Amino acid sequence: MDTPSTISDPERIRALAHPVRLELLDHLRDVDEATATECAARVGESVASCSFHLRILEKYGYIERAQQRGREKPWRVRRPGSSLDARPDRAVPGSLHAVQELAALTVTREADRVARYLAQASEEPDEWLQAVTVSTAGFWATAAELRELSQEVHDLVQRFSGRSADPALRPEGARHARLFATVNPDPAPRQED
């Protein structure tokens, strides 16, 4: 069985730090495969723009060509996926900064997505509104405890794995959902000059 690769090359990490590329990756994960035309319709960009960004994602190994469907040439996310690594003891110089840029963009995108949902929440059926939570918590923890909590948050969604690729695994009435969580210590207090 393949295992996810670890990416520490800052150039590869920065290739993801573009809103259109992140949208394209999200879409391809959701639908398994799509053409540039299908991607353009979904992300609201031109076909030429999507084609350019898809080729960049291919160049850096995030996606690949799927089997051609007649004249259509779809794309798909490479399996088994990858994780980013910017740990100082293993990272390539510049990778921490690249991960910071990507993480900041991701936080902004996800916060915007939540805000868009909340703006139209009055149109949602009550059963879906009761399933949503936006919460924060403050607590004291060690670095080891935060790592453990981060892994637990990641593991929570694993019970839903496979449903994007195989619609037969989705229960009737299922909708695409997202988890946006951060587990991090508060920043160090600023030193007054």
N, C-alpha and C. Protein backbone atom coordinates (compact mmCIF):
# COMPACT_ATOMS: atom_id res chain seq x y z
N MET A 1 0.84 -1.19 0.00
CA MET A 1 0.00 0.00 0.00
C MET A 1 0.87 1.24 0.00
N ASP A 2 0.54 2.21 -0.85
CA ASP A 2 1.29 3.44 -0.92
C ASP A 2 1.05 4.28 0.32
N THR A 3 2.07 5.04 0.69
CA THR A 3 1.93 5.97 1.79
C THR A 3 2.13 7.37 1.26
N PRO A 4 1.53 8.37 1.93
CA PRO A 4 1.69 9.74 1.47
C PRO A 4 3.15 10.16 1.47
N SER A 5 3.52 10.96 0.50
CA SER A 5 4.88 11.48 0.45
C SER A 5 4.96 12.74 1.32
N THR A 6 6.16 13.06 1.74
CA THR A 6 6.39 14.26 2.53
C THR A 6 7.08 15.28 1.65
N ILE A 7 6.56 16.48 1.65
CA ILE A 7 7.10 17.54 0.80
C ILE A 7 7.76 18.58 1.68
N SER A 8 9.04 18.85 1.43
CA SER A 8 9.73 19.90 2.17
C SER A 8 10.38 20.91 1.23
N ASP A 9 10.24 20.71 -0.07
CA ASP A 9 10.81 21.61 -1.07
C ASP A 9 9.97 22.90 -1.11
N PRO A 10 10.58 24.06 -0.77
CA PRO A 10 9.79 25.29 -0.74
C PRO A 10 9.14 25.65 -2.07
N GLU A 11 9.79 25.31 -3.17
CA GLU A 11 9.21 25.61 -4.48
C GLU A 11 7.92 24.82 -4.69
N ARG A 12 7.92 23.55 -4.31
CA ARG A 12 6.70 22.73 -4.42
C ARG A 12 5.61 23.22 -3.49
N ILE A 13 5.99 23.63 -2.30
CA ILE A 13 5.00 24.14 -1.35
C ILE A 13 4.40 25.43 -1.88
N ARG A 14 5.24 26.34 -2.38
CA ARG A 14 4.74 27.62 -2.89
C ARG A 14 3.83 27.43 -4.11
N ALA A 15 4.02 26.34 -4.84
CA ALA A 15 3.15 26.08 -6.00
C ALA A 15 1.69 25.95 -5.56
N LEU A 16 1.47 25.55 -4.33
CA LEU A 16 0.11 25.43 -3.81
C LEU A 16 -0.45 26.76 -3.32
N ALA A 17 0.41 27.71 -3.01
CA ALA A 17 -0.01 28.95 -2.38
C ALA A 17 -0.63 29.92 -3.37
N HIS A 18 -1.68 29.46 -4.03
CA HIS A 18 -2.43 30.29 -4.97
C HIS A 18 -3.90 29.91 -4.84
N PRO A 19 -4.78 30.88 -4.67
CA PRO A 19 -6.19 30.56 -4.44
C PRO A 19 -6.83 29.68 -5.52
N VAL A 20 -6.51 29.91 -6.77
CA VAL A 20 -7.10 29.10 -7.85
C VAL A 20 -6.61 27.66 -7.76
N ARG A 21 -5.33 27.48 -7.48
CA ARG A 21 -4.79 26.12 -7.38
C ARG A 21 -5.41 25.36 -6.20
N LEU A 22 -5.61 26.04 -5.10
CA LEU A 22 -6.25 25.39 -3.96
C LEU A 22 -7.70 25.03 -4.28
N GLU A 23 -8.40 25.91 -4.99
CA GLU A 23 -9.78 25.61 -5.40
C GLU A 23 -9.81 24.41 -6.35
N LEU A 24 -8.86 24.38 -7.28
CA LEU A 24 -8.81 23.26 -8.22
C LEU A 24 -8.54 21.94 -7.49
N LEU A 25 -7.61 21.95 -6.56
CA LEU A 25 -7.34 20.73 -5.79
C LEU A 25 -8.56 20.29 -4.99
N ASP A 26 -9.23 21.25 -4.35
CA ASP A 26 -10.46 20.92 -3.61
C ASP A 26 -11.48 20.27 -4.54
N HIS A 27 -11.66 20.86 -5.70
CA HIS A 27 -12.64 20.33 -6.65
C HIS A 27 -12.27 18.93 -7.11
N LEU A 28 -11.01 18.73 -7.47
CA LEU A 28 -10.59 17.41 -7.94
C LEU A 28 -10.71 16.37 -6.84
N ARG A 29 -10.46 16.75 -5.60
CA ARG A 29 -10.66 15.79 -4.49
C ARG A 29 -12.13 15.43 -4.34
N ASP A 30 -13.00 16.40 -4.60
CA ASP A 30 -14.44 16.17 -4.44
C ASP A 30 -15.02 15.30 -5.55
N VAL A 31 -14.53 15.48 -6.77
CA VAL A 31 -15.15 14.78 -7.92
C VAL A 31 -14.30 13.64 -8.47
N ASP A 32 -13.13 13.47 -7.96
CA ASP A 32 -12.21 12.42 -8.38
C ASP A 32 -11.45 12.79 -9.65
N GLU A 33 -12.15 13.23 -10.69
CA GLU A 33 -11.46 13.70 -11.89
C GLU A 33 -12.34 14.68 -12.64
N ALA A 34 -11.70 15.60 -13.37
CA ALA A 34 -12.44 16.62 -14.12
C ALA A 34 -11.53 17.21 -15.19
N THR A 35 -12.16 17.68 -16.25
CA THR A 35 -11.43 18.37 -17.32
C THR A 35 -11.22 19.83 -16.92
N ALA A 36 -10.38 20.53 -17.67
CA ALA A 36 -10.16 21.96 -17.42
C ALA A 36 -11.47 22.72 -17.59
N THR A 37 -12.29 22.33 -18.55
CA THR A 37 -13.58 22.98 -18.78
C THR A 37 -14.51 22.77 -17.59
N GLU A 38 -14.55 21.55 -17.06
CA GLU A 38 -15.38 21.27 -15.88
C GLU A 38 -14.86 22.04 -14.67
N CYS A 39 -13.55 22.10 -14.54
CA CYS A 39 -12.95 22.85 -13.44
C CYS A 39 -13.29 24.34 -13.54
N ALA A 40 -13.21 24.89 -14.75
CA ALA A 40 -13.50 26.30 -14.95
C ALA A 40 -14.94 26.63 -14.54
N ALA A 41 -15.87 25.75 -14.90
CA ALA A 41 -17.27 25.97 -14.53
C ALA A 41 -17.44 25.95 -13.01
N ARG A 42 -16.68 25.13 -12.34
CA ARG A 42 -16.81 24.99 -10.88
C ARG A 42 -16.14 26.12 -10.12
N VAL A 43 -14.93 26.53 -10.54
CA VAL A 43 -14.19 27.52 -9.77
C VAL A 43 -14.37 28.95 -10.27
N GLY A 44 -15.10 29.14 -11.37
CA GLY A 44 -15.38 30.48 -11.85
C GLY A 44 -14.21 31.17 -12.53
N GLU A 45 -13.32 30.39 -13.11
CA GLU A 45 -12.19 30.93 -13.85
C GLU A 45 -12.34 30.55 -15.31
N SER A 46 -11.55 31.16 -16.18
CA SER A 46 -11.58 30.78 -17.59
C SER A 46 -10.93 29.41 -17.76
N VAL A 47 -11.25 28.76 -18.87
CA VAL A 47 -10.64 27.47 -19.17
C VAL A 47 -9.13 27.63 -19.31
N ALA A 48 -8.69 28.71 -19.96
CA ALA A 48 -7.26 28.95 -20.14
C ALA A 48 -6.56 29.12 -18.79
N SER A 49 -7.16 29.86 -17.87
CA SER A 49 -6.58 30.04 -16.54
C SER A 49 -6.50 28.71 -15.80
N CYS A 50 -7.59 27.94 -15.85
CA CYS A 50 -7.59 26.64 -15.18
C CYS A 50 -6.55 25.72 -15.79
N SER A 51 -6.44 25.70 -17.11
CA SER A 51 -5.44 24.86 -17.76
C SER A 51 -4.04 25.21 -17.29
N PHE A 52 -3.75 26.50 -17.21
CA PHE A 52 -2.44 26.95 -16.73
C PHE A 52 -2.18 26.43 -15.32
N HIS A 53 -3.13 26.65 -14.41
CA HIS A 53 -2.94 26.25 -13.01
C HIS A 53 -2.91 24.73 -12.86
N LEU A 54 -3.66 24.03 -13.65
CA LEU A 54 -3.62 22.56 -13.61
C LEU A 54 -2.24 22.06 -14.04
N ARG A 55 -1.67 22.69 -15.06
CA ARG A 55 -0.33 22.28 -15.50
C ARG A 55 0.72 22.56 -14.43
N ILE A 56 0.57 23.66 -13.69
CA ILE A 56 1.49 23.96 -12.58
C ILE A 56 1.36 22.88 -11.51
N LEU A 57 0.12 22.53 -11.17
CA LEU A 57 -0.09 21.47 -10.16
C LEU A 57 0.49 20.14 -10.64
N GLU A 58 0.40 19.87 -11.93
CA GLU A 58 0.99 18.65 -12.48
C GLU A 58 2.52 18.72 -12.40
N LYS A 59 3.07 19.86 -12.78
CA LYS A 59 4.53 20.03 -12.77
C LYS A 59 5.11 19.73 -11.39
N TYR A 60 4.40 20.12 -10.35
CA TYR A 60 4.92 19.93 -8.99
C TYR A 60 4.39 18.66 -8.33
N GLY A 61 3.73 17.81 -9.11
CA GLY A 61 3.40 16.48 -8.64
C GLY A 61 2.14 16.33 -7.81
N TYR A 62 1.27 17.32 -7.82
CA TYR A 62 0.04 17.23 -7.02
C TYR A 62 -1.09 16.54 -7.77
N ILE A 63 -1.11 16.69 -9.08
CA ILE A 63 -2.16 16.06 -9.88
C ILE A 63 -1.52 15.37 -11.08
N GLU A 64 -2.33 14.60 -11.78
CA GLU A 64 -1.86 13.90 -12.98
C GLU A 64 -3.04 13.75 -13.93
N ARG A 65 -2.72 13.37 -15.15
CA ARG A 65 -3.77 13.10 -16.13
C ARG A 65 -4.47 11.80 -15.78
N ALA A 66 -5.79 11.84 -15.88
CA ALA A 66 -6.58 10.62 -15.72
C ALA A 66 -6.73 10.00 -17.12
N GLN A 67 -7.36 8.86 -17.19
CA GLN A 67 -7.56 8.21 -18.48
C GLN A 67 -8.45 9.08 -19.36
N GLN A 68 -8.03 9.24 -20.60
CA GLN A 68 -8.75 10.07 -21.54
C GLN A 68 -10.15 9.51 -21.77
N ARG A 69 -11.16 10.40 -21.84
CA ARG A 69 -12.56 10.02 -22.09
C ARG A 69 -12.95 10.57 -23.46
N GLY A 70 -12.79 9.75 -24.49
CA GLY A 70 -13.05 10.26 -25.84
C GLY A 70 -12.06 11.36 -26.15
N ARG A 71 -12.57 12.56 -26.40
CA ARG A 71 -11.70 13.69 -26.68
C ARG A 71 -11.34 14.46 -25.41
N GLU A 72 -12.02 14.15 -24.32
CA GLU A 72 -11.77 14.86 -23.07
C GLU A 72 -10.51 14.32 -22.37
N LYS A 73 -9.76 15.25 -21.77
CA LYS A 73 -8.53 14.90 -21.07
C LYS A 73 -8.65 15.35 -19.61
N PRO A 74 -9.22 14.49 -18.78
CA PRO A 74 -9.42 14.89 -17.37
C PRO A 74 -8.14 14.83 -16.53
N TRP A 75 -8.22 15.49 -15.39
CA TRP A 75 -7.16 15.52 -14.39
C TRP A 75 -7.67 14.84 -13.13
N ARG A 76 -6.73 14.36 -12.30
CA ARG A 76 -7.09 13.80 -11.00
C ARG A 76 -5.95 14.07 -10.02
N VAL A 77 -6.28 14.03 -8.75
CA VAL A 77 -5.27 14.21 -7.71
C VAL A 77 -4.43 12.95 -7.66
N ARG A 78 -3.13 13.13 -7.53
CA ARG A 78 -2.24 11.96 -7.41
C ARG A 78 -2.51 11.26 -6.10
N ARG A 79 -2.46 9.99 -6.14
CA ARG A 79 -2.64 9.19 -4.92
C ARG A 79 -1.29 8.69 -4.48
N PRO A 80 -1.02 8.51 -3.25
CA PRO A 80 -1.90 8.60 -2.10
C PRO A 80 -1.95 9.98 -1.46
N GLY A 81 -1.37 10.97 -2.07
CA GLY A 81 -1.39 12.30 -1.49
C GLY A 81 -0.05 12.66 -0.89
N SER A 82 -0.02 13.76 -0.17
CA SER A 82 1.23 14.21 0.41
C SER A 82 0.96 15.07 1.63
N SER A 83 1.99 15.23 2.44
CA SER A 83 1.91 16.14 3.58
C SER A 83 3.12 17.06 3.52
N LEU A 84 2.99 18.22 4.13
CA LEU A 84 4.06 19.20 4.11
C LEU A 84 4.90 19.05 5.37
N ASP A 85 6.19 19.23 5.23
CA ASP A 85 7.09 19.09 6.37
C ASP A 85 8.05 20.27 6.40
N ALA A 86 7.97 21.07 7.44
CA ALA A 86 8.88 22.21 7.59
C ALA A 86 9.58 22.16 8.93
N ARG A 87 9.71 20.97 9.49
CA ARG A 87 10.42 20.84 10.77
C ARG A 87 11.87 21.24 10.59
N PRO A 88 12.38 22.07 11.48
CA PRO A 88 13.74 22.60 11.32
C PRO A 88 14.81 21.53 11.17
N ASP A 89 14.64 20.37 11.79
CA ASP A 89 15.67 19.34 11.71
C ASP A 89 15.66 18.58 10.38
N ARG A 90 14.60 18.74 9.57
CA ARG A 90 14.49 17.99 8.33
C ARG A 90 14.19 18.85 7.10
N ALA A 91 13.86 20.08 7.32
CA ALA A 91 13.36 20.92 6.23
C ALA A 91 14.46 21.48 5.34
N VAL A 92 14.08 21.72 4.12
CA VAL A 92 14.93 22.43 3.17
C VAL A 92 14.85 23.91 3.53
N PRO A 93 15.96 24.65 3.46
CA PRO A 93 15.89 26.08 3.77
C PRO A 93 14.79 26.77 2.96
N GLY A 94 14.00 27.58 3.64
CA GLY A 94 12.90 28.29 2.99
C GLY A 94 11.57 27.58 3.08
N SER A 95 11.58 26.31 3.49
CA SER A 95 10.30 25.58 3.51
C SER A 95 9.38 26.08 4.61
N LEU A 96 9.90 26.49 5.74
CA LEU A 96 9.04 26.99 6.81
C LEU A 96 8.29 28.23 6.34
N HIS A 97 9.00 29.13 5.68
CA HIS A 97 8.35 30.35 5.17
C HIS A 97 7.28 29.99 4.14
N ALA A 98 7.56 29.03 3.28
CA ALA A 98 6.59 28.61 2.27
C ALA A 98 5.34 28.00 2.93
N VAL A 99 5.54 27.19 3.97
CA VAL A 99 4.40 26.61 4.69
C VAL A 99 3.61 27.72 5.38
N GLN A 100 4.30 28.71 5.94
CA GLN A 100 3.60 29.83 6.57
C GLN A 100 2.70 30.55 5.56
N GLU A 101 3.21 30.80 4.37
CA GLU A 101 2.42 31.47 3.32
C GLU A 101 1.20 30.64 2.95
N LEU A 102 1.42 29.34 2.76
CA LEU A 102 0.32 28.46 2.38
C LEU A 102 -0.71 28.35 3.50
N ALA A 103 -0.25 28.23 4.74
CA ALA A 103 -1.17 28.12 5.87
C ALA A 103 -2.00 29.39 6.02
N ALA A 104 -1.38 30.56 5.86
CA ALA A 104 -2.12 31.82 5.97
C ALA A 104 -3.19 31.92 4.88
N LEU A 105 -2.85 31.52 3.66
CA LEU A 105 -3.83 31.52 2.58
C LEU A 105 -4.96 30.55 2.87
N THR A 106 -4.63 29.38 3.39
CA THR A 106 -5.64 28.38 3.72
C THR A 106 -6.59 28.89 4.79
N VAL A 107 -6.06 29.51 5.82
CA VAL A 107 -6.91 30.05 6.89
C VAL A 107 -7.86 31.10 6.32
N THR A 108 -7.34 31.99 5.49
CA THR A 108 -8.18 33.03 4.88
C THR A 108 -9.29 32.41 4.03
N ARG A 109 -8.93 31.43 3.19
CA ARG A 109 -9.92 30.77 2.33
C ARG A 109 -11.01 30.09 3.15
N GLU A 110 -10.59 29.35 4.17
CA GLU A 110 -11.57 28.62 4.98
C GLU A 110 -12.45 29.57 5.79
N ALA A 111 -11.87 30.65 6.33
CA ALA A 111 -12.68 31.64 7.05
C ALA A 111 -13.70 32.28 6.12
N ASP A 112 -13.29 32.58 4.88
CA ASP A 112 -14.23 33.13 3.89
C ASP A 112 -15.34 32.14 3.58
N ARG A 113 -15.00 30.86 3.49
CA ARG A 113 -15.99 29.83 3.19
C ARG A 113 -17.03 29.75 4.32
N VAL A 114 -16.56 29.78 5.56
CA VAL A 114 -17.47 29.74 6.70
C VAL A 114 -18.37 30.98 6.69
N ALA A 115 -17.80 32.15 6.43
CA ALA A 115 -18.58 33.39 6.39
C ALA A 115 -19.65 33.33 5.30
N ARG A 116 -19.31 32.76 4.14
CA ARG A 116 -20.31 32.62 3.06
C ARG A 116 -21.44 31.70 3.50
N TYR A 117 -21.11 30.61 4.18
CA TYR A 117 -22.15 29.71 4.66
C TYR A 117 -23.05 30.43 5.67
N LEU A 118 -22.45 31.12 6.61
CA LEU A 118 -23.23 31.79 7.64
C LEU A 118 -24.13 32.88 7.04
N ALA A 119 -23.67 33.53 5.98
CA ALA A 119 -24.46 34.57 5.33
C ALA A 119 -25.74 34.01 4.71
N GLN A 120 -25.73 32.75 4.32
CA GLN A 120 -26.93 32.15 3.72
C GLN A 120 -27.59 31.13 4.65
N ALA A 121 -27.20 31.12 5.91
CA ALA A 121 -27.71 30.12 6.85
C ALA A 121 -29.23 30.22 7.04
N SER A 122 -29.81 31.40 6.85
CA SER A 122 -31.25 31.53 7.03
C SER A 122 -32.03 30.72 6.00
N GLU A 123 -31.37 30.32 4.93
CA GLU A 123 -32.02 29.51 3.89
C GLU A 123 -31.88 28.02 4.14
N GLU A 124 -31.14 27.64 5.18
CA GLU A 124 -30.88 26.23 5.47
C GLU A 124 -32.02 25.60 6.26
N PRO A 125 -32.31 24.33 6.01
CA PRO A 125 -33.28 23.62 6.86
C PRO A 125 -32.73 23.51 8.29
N ASP A 126 -33.63 23.48 9.27
CA ASP A 126 -33.22 23.44 10.67
C ASP A 126 -32.31 22.27 10.99
N GLU A 127 -32.56 21.09 10.37
CA GLU A 127 -31.72 19.93 10.69
C GLU A 127 -30.26 20.18 10.33
N TRP A 128 -30.00 20.94 9.27
CA TRP A 128 -28.63 21.25 8.90
C TRP A 128 -28.05 22.33 9.80
N LEU A 129 -28.87 23.32 10.18
CA LEU A 129 -28.38 24.36 11.09
C LEU A 129 -27.99 23.77 12.43
N GLN A 130 -28.74 22.79 12.90
CA GLN A 130 -28.43 22.18 14.20
C GLN A 130 -27.17 21.32 14.14
N ALA A 131 -26.70 21.01 12.95
CA ALA A 131 -25.50 20.19 12.79
C ALA A 131 -24.22 21.02 12.70
N VAL A 132 -24.35 22.34 12.69
CA VAL A 132 -23.20 23.23 12.49
C VAL A 132 -22.74 23.78 13.84
N THR A 133 -21.45 23.92 13.98
CA THR A 133 -20.90 24.58 15.16
C THR A 133 -19.74 25.47 14.76
N VAL A 134 -19.66 26.59 15.39
CA VAL A 134 -18.50 27.47 15.29
C VAL A 134 -18.12 27.74 16.74
N SER A 135 -16.97 27.26 17.14
CA SER A 135 -16.60 27.42 18.55
C SER A 135 -15.11 27.67 18.68
N THR A 136 -14.76 28.22 19.79
CA THR A 136 -13.36 28.40 20.13
C THR A 136 -13.15 27.90 21.55
N ALA A 137 -11.94 27.58 21.87
CA ALA A 137 -11.61 27.14 23.21
C ALA A 137 -10.19 27.58 23.54
N GLY A 138 -9.97 27.90 24.76
CA GLY A 138 -8.63 28.23 25.22
C GLY A 138 -8.25 27.26 26.32
N PHE A 139 -7.02 26.80 26.32
CA PHE A 139 -6.58 25.83 27.32
C PHE A 139 -5.06 25.84 27.38
N TRP A 140 -4.53 25.27 28.45
CA TRP A 140 -3.08 25.16 28.61
C TRP A 140 -2.68 23.74 28.22
N ALA A 141 -1.62 23.63 27.40
CA ALA A 141 -1.16 22.32 26.94
C ALA A 141 0.32 22.37 26.60
N THR A 142 0.95 21.21 26.64
CA THR A 142 2.34 21.10 26.21
C THR A 142 2.39 20.88 24.70
N ALA A 143 3.56 20.99 24.13
CA ALA A 143 3.73 20.74 22.69
C ALA A 143 3.31 19.31 22.36
N ALA A 144 3.68 18.36 23.20
CA ALA A 144 3.30 16.96 22.96
C ALA A 144 1.79 16.79 22.99
N GLU A 145 1.13 17.45 23.92
CA GLU A 145 -0.33 17.36 23.99
C GLU A 145 -0.99 17.99 22.77
N LEU A 146 -0.42 19.10 22.28
CA LEU A 146 -0.98 19.72 21.06
C LEU A 146 -0.80 18.81 19.85
N ARG A 147 0.37 18.15 19.74
CA ARG A 147 0.58 17.20 18.64
C ARG A 147 -0.47 16.09 18.70
N GLU A 148 -0.71 15.57 19.90
CA GLU A 148 -1.70 14.50 20.07
C GLU A 148 -3.10 14.99 19.69
N LEU A 149 -3.45 16.20 20.12
CA LEU A 149 -4.76 16.76 19.77
C LEU A 149 -4.87 16.97 18.26
N SER A 150 -3.81 17.47 17.64
CA SER A 150 -3.82 17.67 16.19
C SER A 150 -4.08 16.35 15.47
N GLN A 151 -3.43 15.28 15.91
CA GLN A 151 -3.65 13.96 15.31
C GLN A 151 -5.08 13.49 15.52
N GLU A 152 -5.62 13.71 16.71
CA GLU A 152 -7.01 13.32 16.99
C GLU A 152 -8.00 14.06 16.09
N VAL A 153 -7.76 15.35 15.86
CA VAL A 153 -8.62 16.12 14.95
C VAL A 153 -8.54 15.53 13.55
N HIS A 154 -7.33 15.24 13.10
CA HIS A 154 -7.14 14.63 11.78
C HIS A 154 -7.87 13.28 11.70
N ASP A 155 -7.75 12.48 12.74
CA ASP A 155 -8.36 11.15 12.75
C ASP A 155 -9.89 11.20 12.75
N LEU A 156 -10.47 12.28 13.28
CA LEU A 156 -11.93 12.39 13.33
C LEU A 156 -12.58 12.22 11.97
N VAL A 157 -11.98 12.80 10.94
CA VAL A 157 -12.62 12.77 9.62
C VAL A 157 -12.29 11.51 8.82
N GLN A 158 -11.39 10.68 9.32
CA GLN A 158 -11.02 9.48 8.58
C GLN A 158 -12.18 8.51 8.42
N ARG A 159 -13.17 8.57 9.32
CA ARG A 159 -14.31 7.66 9.19
C ARG A 159 -15.15 7.97 7.95
N PHE A 160 -14.95 9.14 7.33
CA PHE A 160 -15.67 9.51 6.12
C PHE A 160 -14.84 9.30 4.86
N SER A 161 -13.62 8.78 5.00
CA SER A 161 -12.74 8.66 3.84
C SER A 161 -13.34 7.72 2.80
N GLY A 162 -13.04 8.01 1.56
CA GLY A 162 -13.52 7.19 0.45
C GLY A 162 -14.82 7.68 -0.14
N ARG A 163 -15.56 8.52 0.57
CA ARG A 163 -16.87 8.96 0.06
C ARG A 163 -16.78 9.92 -1.12
N SER A 164 -15.68 10.66 -1.22
CA SER A 164 -15.53 11.54 -2.38
C SER A 164 -15.32 10.73 -3.63
N ALA A 165 -14.46 9.73 -3.54
CA ALA A 165 -14.14 8.92 -4.72
C ALA A 165 -15.25 7.93 -5.06
N ASP A 166 -16.00 7.47 -4.07
CA ASP A 166 -17.02 6.44 -4.30
C ASP A 166 -18.37 6.90 -3.77
N PRO A 167 -19.21 7.48 -4.64
CA PRO A 167 -20.52 7.96 -4.21
C PRO A 167 -21.40 6.88 -3.56
N ALA A 168 -21.15 5.61 -3.86
CA ALA A 168 -21.94 4.54 -3.26
C ALA A 168 -21.74 4.46 -1.74
N LEU A 169 -20.64 5.03 -1.24
CA LEU A 169 -20.38 5.03 0.20
C LEU A 169 -21.11 6.14 0.95
N ARG A 170 -21.73 7.06 0.20
CA ARG A 170 -22.40 8.20 0.83
C ARG A 170 -23.83 7.81 1.23
N PRO A 171 -24.18 8.03 2.50
CA PRO A 171 -25.55 7.75 2.91
C PRO A 171 -26.53 8.69 2.20
N GLU A 172 -27.76 8.26 2.07
CA GLU A 172 -28.78 9.10 1.45
C GLU A 172 -28.90 10.40 2.23
N GLY A 173 -28.96 11.50 1.52
CA GLY A 173 -29.10 12.81 2.15
C GLY A 173 -27.78 13.45 2.54
N ALA A 174 -26.66 12.78 2.27
CA ALA A 174 -25.35 13.35 2.63
C ALA A 174 -25.04 14.57 1.77
N ARG A 175 -24.41 15.55 2.36
CA ARG A 175 -23.92 16.73 1.66
C ARG A 175 -22.42 16.83 1.89
N HIS A 176 -21.74 17.49 0.99
CA HIS A 176 -20.31 17.72 1.19
C HIS A 176 -20.16 18.67 2.37
N ALA A 177 -19.28 18.35 3.28
CA ALA A 177 -19.05 19.16 4.47
C ALA A 177 -17.56 19.41 4.62
N ARG A 178 -17.22 20.36 5.46
CA ARG A 178 -15.82 20.68 5.67
C ARG A 178 -15.55 20.84 7.16
N LEU A 179 -14.36 20.46 7.57
CA LEU A 179 -13.88 20.71 8.92
C LEU A 179 -12.75 21.72 8.82
N PHE A 180 -12.87 22.79 9.54
CA PHE A 180 -11.82 23.80 9.58
C PHE A 180 -11.46 23.96 11.05
N ALA A 181 -10.30 23.52 11.41
CA ALA A 181 -9.86 23.60 12.79
C ALA A 181 -8.40 23.98 12.83
N THR A 182 -8.02 24.71 13.82
CA THR A 182 -6.62 24.97 14.05
C THR A 182 -6.30 24.53 15.47
N VAL A 183 -5.14 23.99 15.63
CA VAL A 183 -4.63 23.63 16.95
C VAL A 183 -3.26 24.28 17.03
N ASN A 184 -3.16 25.32 17.81
CA ASN A 184 -1.89 26.03 17.90
C ASN A 184 -1.79 26.77 19.23
N PRO A 185 -0.55 26.96 19.69
CA PRO A 185 -0.39 27.77 20.90
C PRO A 185 -0.61 29.24 20.56
N ASP A 186 -0.97 30.03 21.57
CA ASP A 186 -1.05 31.46 21.36
C ASP A 186 0.34 31.97 20.99
N PRO A 187 0.41 33.01 20.18
CA PRO A 187 1.72 33.57 19.86
C PRO A 187 2.39 34.12 21.12
N ALA A 188 3.69 34.14 21.11
CA ALA A 188 4.42 34.71 22.24
C ALA A 188 4.08 36.18 22.36
N PRO A 189 3.96 36.68 23.59
CA PRO A 189 3.67 38.11 23.75
C PRO A 189 4.77 38.97 23.13
N ARG A 190 4.38 40.08 22.57
CA ARG A 190 5.38 41.00 21.99
C ARG A 190 6.16 41.67 23.09
N GLN A 191 7.42 41.83 22.85
CA GLN A 191 8.27 42.54 23.79
C GLN A 191 8.14 44.04 23.53
N GLU A 192 7.86 44.79 24.54
CA GLU A 192 7.75 46.25 24.39
C GLU A 192 9.14 46.85 24.23
N ASP A 193 9.25 47.80 23.33
CA ASP A 193 10.56 48.47 23.12
C ASP A 193 10.87 49.40 24.25
